[in-house]
Amino acid sequence: MEHNRRSTFSGKLGFILSAAGASVGLGNIWRFPYLAAQYGGGMFLLVYIILAMTFGYTMIMSETALGRMTGSSSVGAFRRFGDTAGNRFGGWINAVIPMLIAPYYSVIGGWVCKYLFEYIAGHQVQLTQDAFFGSFIGSAGQQVFWFCVFIFLVLFVVWRGVENGIEWISRIMMPMLVVLAVIIALYSVTRPGAIEGVKYFLIPDFSHFSWMTVVAALGQMFYSLSIAMGILVTFGSYMKKNVDMETSSVQVEIFDTAIAIMAGLMIIPAVFAFSGGTPEALQSGPSLMFITMPKIFLSMGFGRAIGILFFVLVLFAALTSAIALAECCISTLEDELHMSRKQGVLLMAVEMLILGVLNCLGFNLLEAVRIFGMGILDFFDFLTNSIMMPVSAVMICLLILRKVTIEKVEEEVTSGGYSKFSGRGIYRFVLRYLAIAFLLVILASSIASVLGLIRI
């Protein structure tokens, strides 16, 4: 595909909203609060912000610049600097990651659709029963149905293209998501007893610090900022040359982190207000949103309305990220296999259906299947987030250090008449001395965890 025929965002706002939509997803609304609750609240938040401002900033700038300077998705971007085995591996691992994430992510998106439907139908009492969630995911038919509803919504938007689909839906959903997040957070933090949750989440307690807090924050940053999964390279390739790359990328990162903090203020103070912030509630992990939160909503005045608003917000966040994952895959199919957008969407639909249904069945008909002691969905999550993404990020760092050069990235960042690169010092230091070490720590910790040597 010729670069001058490539789809583009309409401008700076289109890129910011679309890239923010890609980043703001279940990682912010679902994963960030339960990790913060588990790993010391304010201590986890402080570590996360420091890492986002250094390592996260460096990776976002690297991937976005790589996409815009090559005008290609990840495979073509790597190949532009030499058709070597290493570059082919680096490009394709970036391309394959979203192909593996999109199906299981959409399974969780289906769970969100189911819960929103039940709240709208007035079945909020049902949702508080301990057996409800297990019964739902234990039903192959129900899981597959709601999974299909979610991927239909995702692929319909991607079918419409970059400006008329992804940018259009992001312009609608992202402002609505912010408004809903503010409303629910304000309601949550003003409940009696919630102030203790606010303190726990916002004020660092250094007695809660551990090395695993750093490891958990690093892993969350991959998940939340869409690092090392080809999305930022692809979206960078859609960015026009006259857009200020550094300002736009920093605004995306700030927006993403702000939504994660807002999600923490929605959930953690509510846990303190309605369950006293017990260790059991704070350590409930992934079940916090689907089991603990419905119980909290039922205890609230206007609990059904708050439940509807909450799951609408979560659905918007899940959709924008899933759309970005699918778009990244389709961009690769267009670039590498020369497919039309419609052909790419149809092929992606088949791939998502096959792997998504497999993930759904892992909770019922294929529940006995275990890979390294993990169920099917947990294994795909571990493989992509804990193994493939750190390796992918290492390949991006090596590409820039050895082939592209830091100077070329700086030139791309300041192209279009933007003479400043205010984070140049941080960028150079982190990329040269810290980034690969950070990534190897995540990789080693993840492997040690699955082998039972440490607990993450």
Protein backbone atom coordinates (compact mmCIF):
# COMPACT_ATOMS: atom_id res chain seq x y z
CA MET A 1 0.00 0.00 0.00
CA GLU A 2 1.40 3.39 -0.92
CA HIS A 3 1.93 5.74 1.98
CA ASN A 4 0.03 8.61 0.32
CA ARG A 5 -3.06 6.42 -0.06
CA ARG A 6 -3.03 5.30 3.55
CA SER A 7 -5.98 6.17 5.78
CA THR A 8 -5.33 8.98 8.26
CA PHE A 9 -6.92 10.61 11.27
CA SER A 10 -8.48 13.98 10.50
CA GLY A 11 -6.06 15.78 12.80
CA LYS A 12 -4.66 16.09 16.33
CA LEU A 13 -7.99 15.66 18.12
CA GLY A 14 -8.83 12.58 16.06
CA PHE A 15 -5.51 10.95 16.98
CA ILE A 16 -5.77 11.86 20.68
CA LEU A 17 -9.32 10.55 21.09
CA SER A 18 -8.65 7.39 19.06
CA ALA A 19 -5.34 6.61 20.77
CA ALA A 20 -6.87 7.39 24.17
CA GLY A 21 -9.75 5.08 23.27
CA ALA A 22 -7.24 2.36 22.44
CA SER A 23 -5.50 2.82 25.78
CA VAL A 24 -8.54 3.37 28.00
CA GLY A 25 -10.15 -0.02 28.36
CA LEU A 26 -10.67 -2.88 30.77
CA GLY A 27 -7.08 -2.37 31.87
CA ASN A 28 -8.09 0.98 33.41
CA ILE A 29 -11.63 0.31 34.62
CA TRP A 30 -11.24 -3.32 35.72
CA ARG A 31 -7.59 -4.28 36.15
CA PHE A 32 -6.05 -1.08 37.56
CA PRO A 33 -8.38 -0.77 40.61
CA TYR A 34 -8.02 -4.38 41.70
CA LEU A 35 -4.22 -4.29 41.37
CA ALA A 36 -4.11 -1.00 43.28
CA ALA A 37 -6.30 -2.53 45.98
CA GLN A 38 -4.03 -5.59 46.21
CA TYR A 39 -0.66 -3.81 46.11
CA GLY A 40 -0.96 -1.02 48.64
CA GLY A 41 -3.25 1.60 47.11
CA GLY A 42 -1.33 4.88 47.09
CA MET A 43 2.03 3.10 46.94
CA PHE A 44 0.98 1.25 43.77
CA LEU A 45 -0.37 4.50 42.28
CA LEU A 46 2.89 6.39 42.96
CA VAL A 47 5.04 3.65 41.42
CA TYR A 48 2.73 3.43 38.40
CA ILE A 49 2.85 7.20 37.76
CA ILE A 50 6.66 7.28 37.99
CA LEU A 51 6.96 4.38 35.56
CA ALA A 52 4.38 5.88 33.17
CA MET A 53 6.28 9.19 33.08
CA THR A 54 9.57 7.48 32.25
CA PHE A 55 9.33 4.01 30.70
CA GLY A 56 5.76 4.44 29.43
CA TYR A 57 6.54 7.81 27.85
CA THR A 58 9.61 6.37 26.12
CA MET A 59 7.75 3.42 24.62
CA ILE A 60 4.79 5.54 23.46
CA MET A 61 7.08 8.02 21.70
CA SER A 62 9.16 5.21 20.15
CA GLU A 63 6.20 3.29 18.72
CA THR A 64 4.28 6.34 17.49
CA ALA A 65 7.38 7.76 15.78
CA LEU A 66 8.15 4.38 14.21
CA GLY A 67 4.65 4.21 12.74
CA ARG A 68 4.61 7.76 11.36
CA MET A 69 8.10 7.69 9.86
CA THR A 70 7.39 4.43 7.98
CA GLY A 71 3.67 4.92 7.24
CA SER A 72 3.11 1.25 7.98
CA SER A 73 1.81 -1.19 10.55
CA SER A 74 4.37 -3.08 12.66
CA VAL A 75 5.51 -5.73 10.14
CA GLY A 76 6.25 -3.18 7.42
CA ALA A 77 7.73 -0.73 9.93
CA PHE A 78 10.34 -3.27 11.08
CA ARG A 79 11.03 -4.41 7.50
CA ARG A 80 11.75 -0.82 6.45
CA PHE A 81 15.03 -1.05 8.39
CA GLY A 82 16.20 -4.33 6.89
CA ASP A 83 14.49 -7.56 5.88
CA THR A 84 16.43 -9.62 8.44
CA ALA A 85 15.24 -12.54 10.56
CA GLY A 86 15.31 -10.35 13.68
CA ASN A 87 13.24 -7.61 12.08
CA ARG A 88 10.73 -10.10 10.68
CA PHE A 89 10.38 -11.61 14.15
CA GLY A 90 10.00 -8.18 15.78
CA GLY A 91 7.38 -7.06 13.27
CA TRP A 92 5.31 -10.22 13.35
CA ILE A 93 5.31 -10.65 17.13
CA ASN A 94 3.84 -7.13 17.32
CA ALA A 95 1.24 -8.12 14.72
CA VAL A 96 0.30 -11.46 16.30
CA ILE A 97 -0.20 -10.14 19.84
CA PRO A 98 -3.44 -8.23 19.07
CA MET A 99 -4.70 -11.20 17.04
CA LEU A 100 -4.44 -13.30 20.21
CA ILE A 101 -5.67 -10.62 22.63
CA ALA A 102 -8.75 -9.45 20.68
CA PRO A 103 -10.67 -12.76 21.00
CA TYR A 104 -10.26 -13.28 24.75
CA TYR A 105 -10.67 -9.55 25.43
CA SER A 106 -13.98 -9.77 23.59
CA VAL A 107 -15.05 -12.66 25.82
CA ILE A 108 -14.69 -10.34 28.83
CA GLY A 109 -16.47 -7.64 26.79
CA GLY A 110 -19.33 -10.13 26.46
CA TRP A 111 -19.47 -10.44 30.26
CA VAL A 112 -19.86 -6.65 30.46
CA CYS A 113 -22.72 -6.75 27.91
CA LYS A 114 -24.45 -9.45 29.96
CA TYR A 115 -24.21 -7.50 33.22
CA LEU A 116 -25.43 -4.28 31.58
CA PHE A 117 -28.41 -6.17 30.13
CA GLU A 118 -29.28 -7.63 33.54
CA TYR A 119 -29.14 -4.21 35.19
CA ILE A 120 -31.36 -2.69 32.49
CA ALA A 121 -33.78 -5.62 32.92
CA GLY A 122 -33.98 -4.90 36.66
CA HIS A 123 -32.25 -8.09 37.80
CA GLN A 124 -29.70 -6.37 40.04
CA VAL A 125 -30.53 -8.58 43.03
CA GLN A 126 -29.70 -11.68 40.97
CA LEU A 127 -26.24 -10.26 40.20
CA THR A 128 -25.32 -10.13 43.90
CA GLN A 129 -25.74 -13.88 44.38
CA ASP A 130 -22.36 -15.58 44.74
CA ALA A 131 -23.33 -18.30 42.27
CA PHE A 132 -24.51 -15.95 39.48
CA PHE A 133 -21.17 -15.18 37.84
CA GLY A 134 -20.02 -18.81 37.98
CA SER A 135 -23.35 -19.99 36.58
CA PHE A 136 -23.13 -17.49 33.71
CA ILE A 137 -19.59 -18.32 32.59
CA GLY A 138 -20.38 -22.01 33.14
CA SER A 139 -23.04 -21.82 30.41
CA ALA A 140 -21.42 -22.26 26.98
CA GLY A 141 -24.50 -20.97 25.14
CA GLN A 142 -24.85 -17.75 27.15
CA GLN A 143 -21.16 -16.93 27.03
CA VAL A 144 -20.90 -17.46 23.26
CA PHE A 145 -24.06 -15.39 22.64
CA TRP A 146 -22.84 -12.34 24.56
CA PHE A 147 -19.35 -12.70 23.11
CA CYS A 148 -20.88 -12.57 19.61
CA VAL A 149 -22.89 -9.46 20.52
CA PHE A 150 -19.68 -7.72 21.58
CA ILE A 151 -17.60 -8.64 18.52
CA PHE A 152 -20.45 -7.57 16.21
CA LEU A 153 -20.29 -4.08 17.77
CA VAL A 154 -16.50 -4.02 17.42
CA LEU A 155 -16.30 -5.17 13.80
CA PHE A 156 -19.16 -2.94 12.67
CA VAL A 157 -17.13 0.12 13.71
CA VAL A 158 -13.90 -1.20 12.15
CA TRP A 159 -15.78 -1.96 8.91
CA ARG A 160 -16.55 1.78 8.62
CA GLY A 161 -12.85 2.66 8.45
CA VAL A 162 -10.43 4.95 10.28
CA GLU A 163 -12.05 8.39 10.12
CA ASN A 164 -15.70 7.35 9.70
CA GLY A 165 -15.48 4.42 12.13
CA ILE A 166 -12.74 4.50 14.76
CA GLU A 167 -12.36 8.28 15.02
CA TRP A 168 -16.14 8.84 14.82
CA ILE A 169 -16.99 6.42 17.64
CA SER A 170 -14.09 7.70 19.78
CA ARG A 171 -15.35 11.29 19.45
CA ILE A 172 -18.70 10.13 20.87
CA MET A 173 -17.64 7.57 23.45
CA MET A 174 -14.59 9.18 25.06
CA PRO A 175 -16.33 12.38 26.26
CA MET A 176 -19.29 10.28 27.48
CA LEU A 177 -16.88 7.93 29.28
CA VAL A 178 -15.26 10.89 31.11
CA VAL A 179 -18.64 12.31 32.17
CA LEU A 180 -19.84 8.92 33.46
CA ALA A 181 -16.56 8.32 35.30
CA VAL A 182 -16.79 11.70 37.05
CA ILE A 183 -20.44 11.11 38.07
CA ILE A 184 -19.78 7.64 39.52
CA ALA A 185 -16.52 8.68 41.22
CA LEU A 186 -18.20 11.68 42.86
CA TYR A 187 -21.03 9.48 44.08
CA SER A 188 -18.59 6.86 45.39
CA VAL A 189 -16.24 9.21 47.28
CA THR A 190 -19.13 11.05 48.98
CA ARG A 191 -20.58 7.91 50.62
CA PRO A 192 -20.21 7.65 54.41
CA GLY A 193 -16.92 5.93 55.22
CA ALA A 194 -15.53 6.34 51.70
CA ILE A 195 -12.88 8.87 52.78
CA GLU A 196 -10.77 6.03 54.22
CA GLY A 197 -10.77 4.43 50.77
CA VAL A 198 -9.74 7.74 49.19
CA LYS A 199 -6.82 7.98 51.63
CA TYR A 200 -5.81 4.36 51.01
CA PHE A 201 -5.81 4.92 47.24
CA LEU A 202 -4.21 8.38 47.00
CA ILE A 203 -1.78 8.58 49.95
CA PRO A 204 1.32 6.37 49.61
CA ASP A 205 2.13 4.20 52.62
CA PHE A 206 5.74 3.10 52.22
CA SER A 207 5.16 0.14 54.52
CA HIS A 208 3.11 -1.33 51.65
CA PHE A 209 6.03 -1.15 49.21
CA SER A 210 7.48 -4.37 47.84
CA TRP A 211 9.33 -5.41 44.72
CA MET A 212 6.11 -7.06 43.52
CA THR A 213 4.43 -3.63 43.61
CA VAL A 214 6.93 -2.52 40.94
CA VAL A 215 6.48 -5.70 38.89
CA ALA A 216 2.68 -5.43 39.06
CA ALA A 217 2.80 -1.74 38.07
CA LEU A 218 5.09 -2.51 35.11
CA GLY A 219 2.78 -5.25 33.88
CA GLN A 220 -0.26 -2.99 34.29
CA MET A 221 1.42 -0.26 32.26
CA PHE A 222 1.70 -2.58 29.23
CA TYR A 223 -1.95 -3.51 29.56
CA SER A 224 -3.16 0.06 30.13
CA LEU A 225 -1.05 2.11 27.71
CA SER A 226 -1.33 -0.35 24.76
CA ILE A 227 2.45 -0.71 24.64
CA ALA A 228 4.12 -3.38 22.48
CA MET A 229 1.02 -4.72 20.76
CA GLY A 230 1.28 -2.91 17.42
CA ILE A 231 -1.53 -0.43 18.17
CA LEU A 232 0.64 2.65 18.66
CA VAL A 233 2.73 1.83 15.58
CA THR A 234 -0.46 1.47 13.52
CA PHE A 235 -2.08 4.62 14.91
CA GLY A 236 1.21 6.49 14.44
CA SER A 237 1.09 5.52 10.76
CA TYR A 238 -2.32 7.24 10.54
CA MET A 239 -0.96 10.47 12.10
CA LYS A 240 -0.41 13.39 9.73
CA LYS A 241 2.99 15.08 9.65
CA ASN A 242 1.59 18.40 10.82
CA VAL A 243 0.40 16.95 14.15
CA ASP A 244 2.57 17.69 17.21
CA MET A 245 3.53 14.12 18.12
CA GLU A 246 5.00 14.74 21.57
CA THR A 247 2.14 16.92 22.84
CA SER A 248 -0.48 14.52 21.45
CA SER A 249 1.22 11.43 22.92
CA VAL A 250 1.66 13.03 26.34
CA GLN A 251 -2.00 14.08 26.34
CA VAL A 252 -3.01 10.48 25.55
CA GLU A 253 -0.87 9.22 28.45
CA ILE A 254 -2.30 11.81 30.86
CA PHE A 255 -5.85 10.99 29.76
CA ASP A 256 -5.26 7.28 30.18
CA THR A 257 -3.74 7.65 33.66
CA ALA A 258 -6.50 10.06 34.73
CA ILE A 259 -9.18 7.54 33.77
CA ALA A 260 -7.34 4.80 35.70
CA ILE A 261 -7.22 7.07 38.77
CA MET A 262 -10.91 7.88 38.29
CA ALA A 263 -11.68 4.14 38.15
CA GLY A 264 -9.78 3.69 41.40
CA LEU A 265 -11.88 6.47 42.96
CA MET A 266 -15.04 4.79 41.69
CA ILE A 267 -14.24 1.37 43.11
CA ILE A 268 -11.86 1.49 46.10
CA PRO A 269 -13.77 4.11 48.20
CA ALA A 270 -16.98 2.18 47.47
CA VAL A 271 -15.34 -0.98 48.85
CA PHE A 272 -14.44 0.90 52.04
CA ALA A 273 -17.85 2.54 52.31
CA PHE A 274 -19.91 -0.61 51.90
CA SER A 275 -17.65 -3.40 53.17
CA GLY A 276 -15.30 -1.54 55.51
CA GLY A 277 -12.28 -2.07 53.25
CA THR A 278 -11.73 -5.57 54.56
CA PRO A 279 -8.66 -7.46 53.33
CA GLU A 280 -10.98 -10.02 51.73
CA ALA A 281 -12.74 -7.34 49.66
CA LEU A 282 -9.49 -5.56 48.71
CA GLN A 283 -7.83 -8.85 47.72
CA SER A 284 -10.77 -10.13 45.65
CA GLY A 285 -8.78 -9.43 42.48
CA PRO A 286 -10.42 -9.94 39.05
CA SER A 287 -13.79 -10.74 40.65
CA LEU A 288 -13.96 -7.23 42.15
CA MET A 289 -15.97 -5.81 39.23
CA PHE A 290 -18.29 -8.75 38.55
CA ILE A 291 -18.96 -10.05 42.08
CA THR A 292 -18.03 -7.41 44.67
CA MET A 293 -19.25 -4.27 42.85
CA PRO A 294 -22.86 -5.52 42.24
CA LYS A 295 -23.14 -6.16 45.99
CA ILE A 296 -21.91 -2.64 46.68
CA PHE A 297 -24.35 -1.14 44.15
CA LEU A 298 -27.24 -2.98 45.81
CA SER A 299 -26.29 -1.36 49.13
CA MET A 300 -26.41 2.12 47.57
CA GLY A 301 -29.31 4.43 47.08
CA PHE A 302 -30.06 4.46 43.33
CA GLY A 303 -28.03 1.24 43.10
CA ARG A 304 -29.65 0.08 39.87
CA ALA A 305 -29.07 3.44 38.15
CA ILE A 306 -25.44 3.51 39.33
CA GLY A 307 -25.01 -0.08 38.14
CA ILE A 308 -26.34 0.81 34.69
CA LEU A 309 -24.08 3.86 34.44
CA PHE A 310 -21.07 1.88 35.65
CA PHE A 311 -21.46 -0.93 33.13
CA VAL A 312 -22.22 1.50 30.29
CA LEU A 313 -18.91 3.17 31.13
CA VAL A 314 -17.09 -0.19 31.24
CA LEU A 315 -18.71 -1.20 27.92
CA PHE A 316 -17.54 2.02 26.24
CA ALA A 317 -14.00 1.47 27.55
CA ALA A 318 -13.98 -2.18 26.45
CA LEU A 319 -15.30 -1.33 22.98
CA THR A 320 -12.77 1.41 22.23
CA SER A 321 -9.84 -0.85 23.14
CA ALA A 322 -11.22 -3.88 21.30
CA ILE A 323 -11.78 -1.71 18.22
CA ALA A 324 -8.12 -0.61 18.36
CA LEU A 325 -6.94 -4.23 18.66
CA ALA A 326 -9.04 -5.29 15.66
CA GLU A 327 -7.94 -2.27 13.62
CA CYS A 328 -4.29 -3.11 14.27
CA CYS A 329 -4.87 -6.63 12.92
CA ILE A 330 -6.78 -5.41 9.85
CA SER A 331 -4.09 -2.83 9.07
CA THR A 332 -1.53 -5.67 8.99
CA LEU A 333 -3.77 -7.72 6.65
CA GLU A 334 -4.18 -4.70 4.35
CA ASP A 335 -0.45 -3.96 4.30
CA GLU A 336 0.99 -7.47 4.14
CA LEU A 337 -1.67 -9.54 2.33
CA HIS A 338 -3.04 -6.60 0.27
CA MET A 339 -6.59 -7.29 1.40
CA SER A 340 -9.35 -4.72 1.19
CA ARG A 341 -10.74 -3.47 4.51
CA LYS A 342 -13.91 -5.55 4.10
CA GLN A 343 -11.91 -8.72 3.37
CA GLY A 344 -9.72 -8.01 6.41
CA VAL A 345 -12.77 -7.52 8.64
CA LEU A 346 -14.31 -10.81 7.45
CA LEU A 347 -11.08 -12.74 8.04
CA MET A 348 -10.70 -11.11 11.46
CA ALA A 349 -14.29 -12.08 12.29
CA VAL A 350 -13.54 -15.74 11.56
CA GLU A 351 -10.31 -15.66 13.62
CA MET A 352 -12.00 -13.94 16.55
CA LEU A 353 -14.93 -16.36 16.48
CA ILE A 354 -12.72 -19.45 16.51
CA LEU A 355 -10.37 -18.32 19.29
CA GLY A 356 -13.10 -16.49 21.20
CA VAL A 357 -15.39 -19.52 21.33
CA LEU A 358 -12.41 -21.61 22.44
CA ASN A 359 -11.86 -19.15 25.31
CA CYS A 360 -15.57 -19.25 26.20
CA LEU A 361 -15.54 -23.06 26.35
CA GLY A 362 -12.57 -22.95 28.73
CA PHE A 363 -15.03 -22.09 31.51
CA ASN A 364 -17.42 -24.97 30.82
CA LEU A 365 -17.05 -27.74 28.22
CA LEU A 366 -13.24 -27.47 28.15
CA GLU A 367 -12.84 -26.55 31.82
CA ALA A 368 -10.64 -29.59 32.43
CA VAL A 369 -8.05 -28.33 29.91
CA ARG A 370 -5.09 -26.86 31.79
CA ILE A 371 -1.92 -25.34 30.34
CA PHE A 372 0.78 -24.80 32.99
CA GLY A 373 -2.06 -25.04 35.49
CA MET A 374 -4.04 -22.26 33.80
CA GLY A 375 -7.40 -22.28 32.05
CA ILE A 376 -7.55 -21.35 28.34
CA LEU A 377 -8.35 -17.62 28.79
CA ASP A 378 -5.81 -17.22 31.60
CA PHE A 379 -3.17 -18.91 29.45
CA PHE A 380 -3.78 -16.58 26.48
CA ASP A 381 -3.62 -13.60 28.88
CA PHE A 382 -0.36 -14.86 30.39
CA LEU A 383 1.18 -15.67 26.99
CA THR A 384 0.43 -12.27 25.46
CA ASN A 385 0.77 -9.86 28.39
CA SER A 386 3.53 -11.51 30.39
CA ILE A 387 5.69 -13.16 27.71
CA MET A 388 5.07 -11.84 24.21
CA MET A 389 4.63 -8.13 25.04
CA PRO A 390 7.91 -7.77 26.98
CA VAL A 391 9.71 -9.59 24.14
CA SER A 392 7.96 -7.34 21.59
CA ALA A 393 9.02 -4.22 23.51
CA VAL A 394 12.62 -5.43 23.68
CA MET A 395 12.60 -5.84 19.89
CA ILE A 396 11.28 -2.27 19.47
CA CYS A 397 14.00 -0.88 21.75
CA LEU A 398 16.70 -2.83 19.90
CA LEU A 399 15.36 -1.69 16.52
CA ILE A 400 15.57 1.96 17.52
CA LEU A 401 18.95 1.68 19.24
CA ARG A 402 20.62 -0.35 16.47
CA LYS A 403 18.83 0.50 13.21
CA VAL A 404 16.57 3.55 13.40
CA THR A 405 18.76 5.56 15.84
CA ILE A 406 17.55 7.90 18.55
CA GLU A 407 18.43 10.88 16.36
CA LYS A 408 15.96 9.75 13.65
CA VAL A 409 13.20 9.39 16.23
CA GLU A 410 13.94 12.89 17.52
CA GLU A 411 13.84 14.18 13.94
CA GLU A 412 10.43 12.56 13.41
CA VAL A 413 9.06 13.97 16.67
CA THR A 414 10.09 17.50 15.69
CA SER A 415 8.97 17.24 12.04
CA GLY A 416 6.12 19.41 10.83
CA GLY A 417 7.65 22.56 12.29
CA TYR A 418 7.69 21.48 15.96
CA SER A 419 11.18 22.38 17.14
CA LYS A 420 10.83 21.24 20.76
CA PHE A 421 11.20 17.73 22.16
CA SER A 422 10.93 18.59 25.83
CA GLY A 423 11.33 15.00 27.02
CA ARG A 424 14.48 14.34 24.96
CA GLY A 425 16.68 13.82 28.05
CA ILE A 426 14.27 11.35 29.68
CA TYR A 427 13.74 9.58 26.36
CA ARG A 428 17.45 9.06 25.68
CA PHE A 429 18.32 7.96 29.22
CA VAL A 430 15.45 5.47 29.61
CA LEU A 431 15.89 3.94 26.15
CA ARG A 432 19.64 3.57 26.46
CA TYR A 433 19.97 2.46 30.08
CA LEU A 434 16.69 1.38 31.65
CA ALA A 435 14.05 0.14 29.21
CA ILE A 436 15.50 -3.26 28.32
CA ALA A 437 16.36 -3.93 31.99
CA PHE A 438 12.74 -3.15 32.97
CA LEU A 439 11.45 -5.48 30.29
CA LEU A 440 13.74 -8.34 31.28
CA VAL A 441 12.56 -7.96 34.91
CA ILE A 442 8.92 -8.35 33.80
CA LEU A 443 9.76 -11.36 31.66
CA ALA A 444 11.84 -13.10 34.35
CA SER A 445 9.23 -12.36 37.03
CA SER A 446 6.42 -13.72 34.85
CA ILE A 447 8.27 -16.96 34.11
CA ALA A 448 9.21 -17.35 37.79
CA SER A 449 5.57 -16.81 38.73
CA VAL A 450 4.20 -19.50 36.41
CA LEU A 451 6.84 -21.89 37.72
CA GLY A 452 5.66 -21.14 41.26
CA LEU A 453 8.93 -19.52 42.37
CA ILE A 454 7.33 -16.16 43.25
CA ARG A 455 3.80 -14.79 43.57
CA ILE A 456 2.78 -11.77 41.47
